[in-house]
PDB file of N, CA and C in Angstrom:
ATOM      1  N   MET A   1     -28.317  13.358  40.842  1.00  0.00           N
ATOM      2  CA  MET A   1     -28.991  12.012  40.540  1.00  0.00           C
ATOM      3  C   MET A   1     -28.061  11.523  39.508  1.00  0.00           C
ATOM      4  N   PRO A   2     -27.414  10.265  39.891  1.00  0.00           N
ATOM      5  CA  PRO A   2     -26.824   9.523  38.677  1.00  0.00           C
ATOM      6  C   PRO A   2     -27.215   9.418  37.117  1.00  0.00           C
ATOM      7  N   ARG A   3     -26.453   9.232  36.480  1.00  0.00           N
ATOM      8  CA  ARG A   3     -26.740   9.300  35.142  1.00  0.00           C
ATOM      9  C   ARG A   3     -26.498   7.755  34.492  1.00  0.00           C
ATOM     10  N   LEU A   4     -27.633   7.435  33.581  1.00  0.00           N
ATOM     11  CA  LEU A   4     -27.996   6.132  33.432  1.00  0.00           C
ATOM     12  C   LEU A   4     -27.370   6.384  31.869  1.00  0.00           C
ATOM     13  N   PRO A   5     -26.638   5.075  31.672  1.00  0.00           N
ATOM     14  CA  PRO A   5     -26.679   4.964  30.089  1.00  0.00           C
ATOM     15  C   PRO A   5     -27.947   4.590  29.096  1.00  0.00           C
ATOM     16  N   ALA A   6     -27.528   5.578  28.234  1.00  0.00           N
ATOM     17  CA  ALA A   6     -28.751   5.901  27.244  1.00  0.00           C
ATOM     18  C   ALA A   6     -29.327   4.463  26.613  1.00  0.00           C
ATOM     19  N   ALA A   7     -28.524   3.647  26.602  1.00  0.00           N
ATOM     20  CA  ALA A   7     -29.455   2.109  26.135  1.00  0.00           C
ATOM     21  C   ALA A   7     -28.294   1.348  26.900  1.00  0.00           C
ATOM     22  N   PRO A   8     -29.151   0.831  28.436  1.00  0.00           N
ATOM     23  CA  PRO A   8     -28.756   0.056  29.198  1.00  0.00           C
ATOM     24  C   PRO A   8     -28.035  -1.611  28.773  1.00  0.00           C
ATOM     25  N   GLY A   9     -28.812  -2.067  27.906  1.00  0.00           N
ATOM     26  CA  GLY A   9     -29.059  -3.193  27.346  1.00  0.00           C
ATOM     27  C   GLY A   9     -27.636  -3.075  26.606  1.00  0.00           C
ATOM     28  N   VAL A  10     -27.210  -2.319  25.284  1.00  0.00           N
ATOM     29  CA  VAL A  10     -26.009  -2.047  24.678  1.00  0.00           C
ATOM     30  C   VAL A  10     -24.536  -1.984  25.437  1.00  0.00           C
ATOM     31  N   HIS A  11     -25.168  -0.746  26.696  1.00  0.00           N
ATOM     32  CA  HIS A  11     -23.526  -0.640  27.269  1.00  0.00           C
ATOM     33  C   HIS A  11     -23.409  -2.238  28.024  1.00  0.00           C
ATOM     34  N   ASN A  12     -24.405  -2.546  28.542  1.00  0.00           N
ATOM     35  CA  ASN A  12     -24.401  -4.056  29.377  1.00  0.00           C
ATOM     36  C   ASN A  12     -23.700  -4.986  28.490  1.00  0.00           C
ATOM     37  N   SER A  13     -24.042  -5.095  27.254  1.00  0.00           N
ATOM     38  CA  SER A  13     -23.406  -6.343  26.305  1.00  0.00           C
ATOM     39  C   SER A  13     -21.944  -6.040  25.959  1.00  0.00           C
ATOM     40  N   LEU A  14     -21.549  -4.502  25.666  1.00  0.00           N
ATOM     41  CA  LEU A  14     -20.299  -4.187  25.372  1.00  0.00           C
ATOM     42  C   LEU A  14     -19.572  -4.876  26.355  1.00  0.00           C
ATOM     43  N   TYR A  15     -20.208  -4.373  27.624  1.00  0.00           N
ATOM     44  CA  TYR A  15     -19.248  -4.769  28.548  1.00  0.00           C
ATOM     45  C   TYR A  15     -18.558  -6.181  28.899  1.00  0.00           C
ATOM     46  N   ALA A  16     -19.787  -6.595  28.625  1.00  0.00           N
ATOM     47  CA  ALA A  16     -20.044  -8.386  28.824  1.00  0.00           C
ATOM     48  C   ALA A  16     -18.860  -9.336  28.103  1.00  0.00           C
ATOM     49  N   ARG A  17     -18.754  -8.863  26.818  1.00  0.00           N
ATOM     50  CA  ARG A  17     -18.189  -9.186  25.573  1.00  0.00           C
ATOM     51  C   ARG A  17     -16.512  -8.679  26.029  1.00  0.00           C
ATOM     52  N   ALA A  18     -16.652  -7.401  26.083  1.00  0.00           N
ATOM     53  CA  ALA A  18     -15.182  -6.880  26.390  1.00  0.00           C
ATOM     54  C   ALA A  18     -14.602  -7.796  27.729  1.00  0.00           C
ATOM     55  N   LYS A  19     -15.355  -8.042  28.523  1.00  0.00           N
ATOM     56  CA  LYS A  19     -14.700  -8.677  29.903  1.00  0.00           C
ATOM     57  C   LYS A  19     -14.536 -10.398  29.451  1.00  0.00           C
ATOM     58  N   ARG A  20     -15.331 -10.912  28.700  1.00  0.00           N
ATOM     59  CA  ARG A  20     -15.209 -12.170  27.954  1.00  0.00           C
ATOM     60  C   ARG A  20     -13.761 -12.386  27.560  1.00  0.00           C
ATOM     61  N   ILE A  21     -13.323 -11.170  26.627  1.00  0.00           N
ATOM     62  CA  ILE A  21     -12.154 -11.448  25.647  1.00  0.00           C
ATOM     63  C   ILE A  21     -10.943 -11.310  26.829  1.00  0.00           C
ATOM     64  N   VAL A  22     -11.024 -10.531  28.017  1.00  0.00           N
ATOM     65  CA  VAL A  22     -10.126 -10.216  28.905  1.00  0.00           C
ATOM     66  C   VAL A  22      -9.920 -11.465  29.701  1.00  0.00           C
ATOM     67  N   GLU A  23     -10.917 -11.979  30.136  1.00  0.00           N
ATOM     68  CA  GLU A  23     -10.950 -13.511  31.140  1.00  0.00           C
ATOM     69  C   GLU A  23     -10.339 -14.336  29.776  1.00  0.00           C
ATOM     70  N   ARG A  24     -10.425 -14.687  28.750  1.00  0.00           N
ATOM     71  CA  ARG A  24     -10.007 -15.511  28.056  1.00  0.00           C
ATOM     72  C   ARG A  24      -8.580 -15.138  27.983  1.00  0.00           C
ATOM     73  N   PHE A  25      -8.016 -14.201  27.420  1.00  0.00           N
ATOM     74  CA  PHE A  25      -6.727 -13.531  27.453  1.00  0.00           C
ATOM     75  C   PHE A  25      -5.401 -14.126  28.308  1.00  0.00           C
ATOM     76  N   PHE A  26      -6.460 -13.589  29.751  1.00  0.00           N
ATOM     77  CA  PHE A  26      -5.423 -14.088  31.245  1.00  0.00           C
ATOM     78  C   PHE A  26      -5.510 -15.894  31.608  1.00  0.00           C
ATOM     79  N   ARG A  27      -6.870 -16.094  31.019  1.00  0.00           N
ATOM     80  CA  ARG A  27      -6.530 -17.587  31.124  1.00  0.00           C
ATOM     81  C   ARG A  27      -5.698 -18.696  30.151  1.00  0.00           C
ATOM     82  N   SER A  28      -5.453 -17.809  28.851  1.00  0.00           N
ATOM     83  CA  SER A  28      -4.501 -18.194  27.949  1.00  0.00           C
ATOM     84  C   SER A  28      -3.043 -18.102  28.675  1.00  0.00           C
ATOM     85  N   LEU A  29      -2.683 -16.691  28.886  1.00  0.00           N
ATOM     86  CA  LEU A  29      -1.668 -16.207  29.957  1.00  0.00           C
ATOM     87  C   LEU A  29      -1.210 -17.345  30.320  1.00  0.00           C
ATOM     88  N   LYS A  30      -2.298 -17.707  31.871  1.00  0.00           N
ATOM     89  CA  LYS A  30      -1.961 -18.629  32.829  1.00  0.00           C
ATOM     90  C   LYS A  30      -1.466 -19.765  32.055  1.00  0.00           C
ATOM     91  N   GLU A  31      -1.840 -20.302  31.355  1.00  0.00           N
ATOM     92  CA  GLU A  31      -2.184 -22.015  30.947  1.00  0.00           C
ATOM     93  C   GLU A  31      -0.839 -22.027  29.950  1.00  0.00           C
ATOM     94  N   GLU A  32      -0.822 -21.282  29.332  1.00  0.00           N
ATOM     95  CA  GLU A  32       0.362 -21.696  28.159  1.00  0.00           C
ATOM     96  C   GLU A  32       1.750 -20.478  28.491  1.00  0.00           C
ATOM     97  N   CYS A  33       2.116 -20.187  29.535  1.00  0.00           N
ATOM     98  CA  CYS A  33       2.874 -19.472  30.298  1.00  0.00           C
ATOM     99  C   CYS A  33       3.499 -19.580  31.738  1.00  0.00           C
ATOM    100  N   VAL A  34       2.321 -19.157  32.230  1.00  0.00           N
ATOM    101  CA  VAL A  34       2.785 -18.934  33.974  1.00  0.00           C
ATOM    102  C   VAL A  34       2.883 -20.241  34.176  1.00  0.00           C
ATOM    103  N   TRP A  35       1.852 -21.147  33.989  1.00  0.00           N
ATOM    104  CA  TRP A  35       2.023 -22.348  34.726  1.00  0.00           C
ATOM    105  C   TRP A  35       2.474 -23.647  34.100  1.00  0.00           C
ATOM    106  N   GLN A  36       3.679 -23.110  32.838  1.00  0.00           N
ATOM    107  CA  GLN A  36       4.459 -24.200  32.585  1.00  0.00           C
ATOM    108  C   GLN A  36       5.763 -23.669  32.957  1.00  0.00           C
ATOM    109  N   HIS A  37       5.644 -22.662  33.761  1.00  0.00           N
ATOM    110  CA  HIS A  37       7.329 -22.467  34.367  1.00  0.00           C
ATOM    111  C   HIS A  37       7.343 -22.247  35.726  1.00  0.00           C
ATOM    112  N   THR A  38       8.600 -22.159  36.013  1.00  0.00           N
ATOM    113  CA  THR A  38       8.782 -22.154  37.849  1.00  0.00           C
ATOM    114  C   THR A  38       9.752 -21.160  37.919  1.00  0.00           C
ATOM    115  N   PHE A  39       9.504 -19.880  38.054  1.00  0.00           N
ATOM    116  CA  PHE A  39      10.245 -18.686  37.945  1.00  0.00           C
ATOM    117  C   PHE A  39      10.990 -18.556  39.181  1.00  0.00           C
ATOM    118  N   GLY A  40      12.007 -18.188  39.087  1.00  0.00           N
ATOM    119  CA  GLY A  40      13.300 -17.912  39.939  1.00  0.00           C
ATOM    120  C   GLY A  40      13.021 -16.776  40.648  1.00  0.00           C
ATOM    121  N   ASP A  41      12.219 -15.789  40.178  1.00  0.00           N
ATOM    122  CA  ASP A  41      12.049 -14.304  40.711  1.00  0.00           C
ATOM    123  C   ASP A  41      11.090 -13.363  39.945  1.00  0.00           C
ATOM    124  N   PHE A  42      11.144 -12.128  40.439  1.00  0.00           N
ATOM    125  CA  PHE A  42       9.770 -11.758  39.739  1.00  0.00           C
ATOM    126  C   PHE A  42      10.634 -11.092  38.200  1.00  0.00           C
ATOM    127  N   ALA A  43      11.589 -10.433  37.760  1.00  0.00           N
ATOM    128  CA  ALA A  43      12.219 -10.322  36.873  1.00  0.00           C
ATOM    129  C   ALA A  43      12.171 -11.452  35.831  1.00  0.00           C
ATOM    130  N   GLU A  44      12.792 -12.668  36.158  1.00  0.00           N
ATOM    131  CA  GLU A  44      12.247 -13.794  35.471  1.00  0.00           C
ATOM    132  C   GLU A  44      10.913 -13.850  35.010  1.00  0.00           C
ATOM    133  N   ALA A  45       9.774 -13.946  35.957  1.00  0.00           N
ATOM    134  CA  ALA A  45       8.742 -14.085  35.397  1.00  0.00           C
ATOM    135  C   ALA A  45       8.409 -12.940  34.099  1.00  0.00           C
ATOM    136  N   ARG A  46       8.481 -11.635  34.553  1.00  0.00           N
ATOM    137  CA  ARG A  46       8.377 -10.665  33.882  1.00  0.00           C
ATOM    138  C   ARG A  46       8.884 -10.464  32.279  1.00  0.00           C
ATOM    139  N   THR A  47      10.187 -11.036  32.401  1.00  0.00           N
ATOM    140  CA  THR A  47      10.759 -11.394  31.075  1.00  0.00           C
ATOM    141  C   THR A  47       9.755 -12.525  30.437  1.00  0.00           C
ATOM    142  N   ALA A  48       9.501 -13.426  31.123  1.00  0.00           N
ATOM    143  CA  ALA A  48       8.775 -14.653  30.172  1.00  0.00           C
ATOM    144  C   ALA A  48       7.530 -14.299  29.947  1.00  0.00           C
ATOM    145  N   ILE A  49       6.916 -13.477  30.822  1.00  0.00           N
ATOM    146  CA  ILE A  49       5.610 -12.853  30.430  1.00  0.00           C
ATOM    147  C   ILE A  49       5.382 -12.209  29.157  1.00  0.00           C
ATOM    148  N   THR A  50       6.523 -11.245  29.106  1.00  0.00           N
ATOM    149  CA  THR A  50       6.355 -10.518  28.000  1.00  0.00           C
ATOM    150  C   THR A  50       6.764 -10.892  26.870  1.00  0.00           C
ATOM    151  N   LYS A  51       7.658 -11.881  26.483  1.00  0.00           N
ATOM    152  CA  LYS A  51       8.378 -12.452  25.610  1.00  0.00           C
ATOM    153  C   LYS A  51       6.507 -13.341  25.112  1.00  0.00           C
ATOM    154  N   TRP A  52       6.106 -13.784  26.171  1.00  0.00           N
ATOM    155  CA  TRP A  52       4.999 -14.677  25.732  1.00  0.00           C
ATOM    156  C   TRP A  52       3.629 -13.602  25.127  1.00  0.00           C
ATOM    157  N   ILE A  53       3.543 -12.640  25.710  1.00  0.00           N
ATOM    158  CA  ILE A  53       2.682 -11.453  25.145  1.00  0.00           C
ATOM    159  C   ILE A  53       2.928 -11.179  23.888  1.00  0.00           C
ATOM    160  N   ARG A  54       4.447 -11.081  23.398  1.00  0.00           N
ATOM    161  CA  ARG A  54       4.709 -10.275  22.115  1.00  0.00           C
ATOM    162  C   ARG A  54       4.716 -11.741  21.110  1.00  0.00           C
ATOM    163  N   TRP A  55       4.717 -13.017  21.702  1.00  0.00           N
ATOM    164  CA  TRP A  55       4.817 -14.157  20.440  1.00  0.00           C
ATOM    165  C   TRP A  55       2.972 -14.211  20.229  1.00  0.00           C
ATOM    166  N   TYR A  56       2.060 -13.956  21.454  1.00  0.00           N
ATOM    167  CA  TYR A  56       0.706 -14.067  21.296  1.00  0.00           C
ATOM    168  C   TYR A  56       0.118 -12.856  20.596  1.00  0.00           C
ATOM    169  N   ASN A  57       0.765 -11.507  20.358  1.00  0.00           N
ATOM    170  CA  ASN A  57      -0.026 -10.600  19.665  1.00  0.00           C
ATOM    171  C   ASN A  57       0.856 -10.635  17.949  1.00  0.00           C
ATOM    172  N   ALA A  58       1.641 -11.809  17.943  1.00  0.00           N
ATOM    173  CA  ALA A  58       1.874 -11.353  16.495  1.00  0.00           C
ATOM    174  C   ALA A  58       2.241 -13.043  16.029  1.00  0.00           C
ATOM    175  N   GLU A  59       2.319 -14.013  16.576  1.00  0.00           N
ATOM    176  CA  GLU A  59       2.775 -15.400  15.708  1.00  0.00           C
ATOM    177  C   GLU A  59       1.593 -16.570  16.439  1.00  0.00           C
ATOM    178  N   ARG A  60       1.034 -16.053  17.632  1.00  0.00           N
ATOM    179  CA  ARG A  60      -0.301 -17.139  17.527  1.00  0.00           C
ATOM    180  C   ARG A  60      -1.547 -17.157  17.373  1.00  0.00           C
ATOM    181  N   PRO A  61      -2.133 -18.371  16.502  1.00  0.00           N
ATOM    182  CA  PRO A  61      -3.285 -18.870  15.811  1.00  0.00           C
ATOM    183  C   PRO A  61      -4.329 -18.305  17.184  1.00  0.00           C
ATOM    184  N   HIS A  62      -5.379 -17.412  16.461  1.00  0.00           N
ATOM    185  CA  HIS A  62      -6.409 -16.870  17.302  1.00  0.00           C
ATOM    186  C   HIS A  62      -7.247 -17.140  16.332  1.00  0.00           C
ATOM    187  N   GLN A  63      -8.721 -17.998  17.313  1.00  0.00           N
ATOM    188  CA  GLN A  63      -9.956 -18.609  16.535  1.00  0.00           C
ATOM    189  C   GLN A  63     -10.853 -17.701  15.675  1.00  0.00           C
ATOM    190  N   ALA A  64     -10.866 -16.231  16.589  1.00  0.00           N
ATOM    191  CA  ALA A  64     -11.370 -15.167  15.952  1.00  0.00           C
ATOM    192  C   ALA A  64     -10.943 -14.697  14.689  1.00  0.00           C
ATOM    193  N   LEU A  65      -9.519 -14.993  14.584  1.00  0.00           N
ATOM    194  CA  LEU A  65      -8.821 -14.954  12.658  1.00  0.00           C
ATOM    195  C   LEU A  65      -8.965 -15.891  11.633  1.00  0.00           C
ATOM    196  N   GLY A  66     -10.089 -16.753  12.470  1.00  0.00           N
ATOM    197  CA  GLY A  66      -9.768 -18.133  11.583  1.00  0.00           C
ATOM    198  C   GLY A  66      -8.323 -19.057  11.878  1.00  0.00           C
ATOM    199  N   TYR A  67      -8.273 -18.822  12.601  1.00  0.00           N
ATOM    200  CA  TYR A  67      -6.811 -19.875  13.173  1.00  0.00           C
ATOM    201  C   TYR A  67      -5.987 -19.467  12.666  1.00  0.00           C
ATOM    202  N   ARG A  68      -5.553 -18.058  12.293  1.00  0.00           N
ATOM    203  CA  ARG A  68      -4.485 -17.319  11.567  1.00  0.00           C
ATOM    204  C   ARG A  68      -3.737 -16.674  12.803  1.00  0.00           C
ATOM    205  N   SER A  69      -2.611 -16.217  12.735  1.00  0.00           N
ATOM    206  CA  SER A  69      -1.724 -15.643  13.859  1.00  0.00           C
ATOM    207  C   SER A  69      -2.173 -14.243  13.064  1.00  0.00           C
ATOM    208  N   PRO A  70      -2.176 -13.499  14.068  1.00  0.00           N
ATOM    209  CA  PRO A  70      -2.283 -11.625  13.632  1.00  0.00           C
ATOM    210  C   PRO A  70      -1.345 -11.456  12.699  1.00  0.00           C
ATOM    211  N   ARG A  71      -0.339 -11.570  12.706  1.00  0.00           N
ATOM    212  CA  ARG A  71       0.723 -11.283  11.728  1.00  0.00           C
ATOM    213  C   ARG A  71      -0.124 -11.808  10.138  1.00  0.00           C
ATOM    214  N   GLU A  72      -0.570 -13.018  10.014  1.00  0.00           N
ATOM    215  CA  GLU A  72      -0.788 -13.590   8.875  1.00  0.00           C
ATOM    216  C   GLU A  72      -2.085 -12.990   8.387  1.00  0.00           C
ATOM    217  N   PHE A  73      -3.039 -12.642   9.208  1.00  0.00           N
ATOM    218  CA  PHE A  73      -4.334 -12.088   8.785  1.00  0.00           C
ATOM    219  C   PHE A  73      -3.963 -10.518   8.611  1.00  0.00           C
ATOM    220  N   ARG A  74      -3.179  -9.926   9.275  1.00  0.00           N
ATOM    221  CA  ARG A  74      -2.879  -8.433   8.926  1.00  0.00           C
ATOM    222  C   ARG A  74      -2.340  -8.589   6.957  1.00  0.00           C
ATOM    223  N   GLY A  75      -1.559  -9.760   6.746  1.00  0.00           N
ATOM    224  CA  GLY A  75      -1.035  -9.770   5.424  1.00  0.00           C
ATOM    225  C   GLY A  75      -1.893 -10.306   4.439  1.00  0.00           C
ATOM    226  N   LEU A  76      -3.478 -10.658   4.681  1.00  0.00           N
ATOM    227  CA  LEU A  76      -4.454 -10.830   4.086  1.00  0.00           C
ATOM    228  C   LEU A  76      -5.170  -9.205   3.561  1.00  0.00           C
ATOM    229  N   ARG A  77      -5.433  -8.748   4.198  1.00  0.00           N
ATOM    230  CA  ARG A  77      -6.083  -7.760   4.241  1.00  0.00           C
ATOM    231  C   ARG A  77      -5.337  -6.504   2.711  1.00  0.00           C
ATOM    232  N   PRO A  78      -6.342  -6.050   2.019  1.00  0.00           N
ATOM    233  CA  PRO A  78      -5.484  -5.331   0.792  1.00  0.00           C
ATOM    234  C   PRO A  78      -4.997  -4.114   1.279  1.00  0.00           C
ATOM    235  N   LYS A  79      -3.784  -3.705   0.583  1.00  0.00           N
ATOM    236  CA  LYS A  79      -3.080  -2.277   1.323  1.00  0.00           C
ATOM    237  C   LYS A  79      -4.024  -1.350   0.425  1.00  0.00           C
ATOM    238  N   LEU A  80      -4.094  -0.277   1.640  1.00  0.00           N
ATOM    239  CA  LEU A  80      -4.621   1.005   1.278  1.00  0.00           C
ATOM    240  C   LEU A  80      -3.738   1.872   0.404  1.00  0.00           C
ATOM    241  N   VAL A  81      -4.531   2.429  -0.537  1.00  0.00           N
ATOM    242  CA  VAL A  81      -3.742   3.370  -1.598  1.00  0.00           C
ATOM    243  C   VAL A  81      -4.111   4.692  -1.238  1.00  0.00           C
ATOM    244  N   ALA A  82      -3.360   5.568  -1.166  1.00  0.00           N
ATOM    245  CA  ALA A  82      -3.857   6.796  -0.584  1.00  0.00           C
ATOM    246  C   ALA A  82      -4.184   7.571  -1.963  1.00  0.00           C
TER     247      ALA A  82
END
């Protein structure tokens, strides 16, 4: 007999939220990188996409971070003292 999640509504809502985040990332990747270039070969596409992902993860402003870049947002957190 298959096991069901303990709280189906919670599981489904977390999955739906994660799916929205992933879908939005790939939409941004296509709109801001892939569709803006004509790549000569796979290696060129991989290089451009890798560069874009690094920029996205460090410099690109994100709505969820108050339109700050991840780098700026990390700078706002108080430093933890051991």
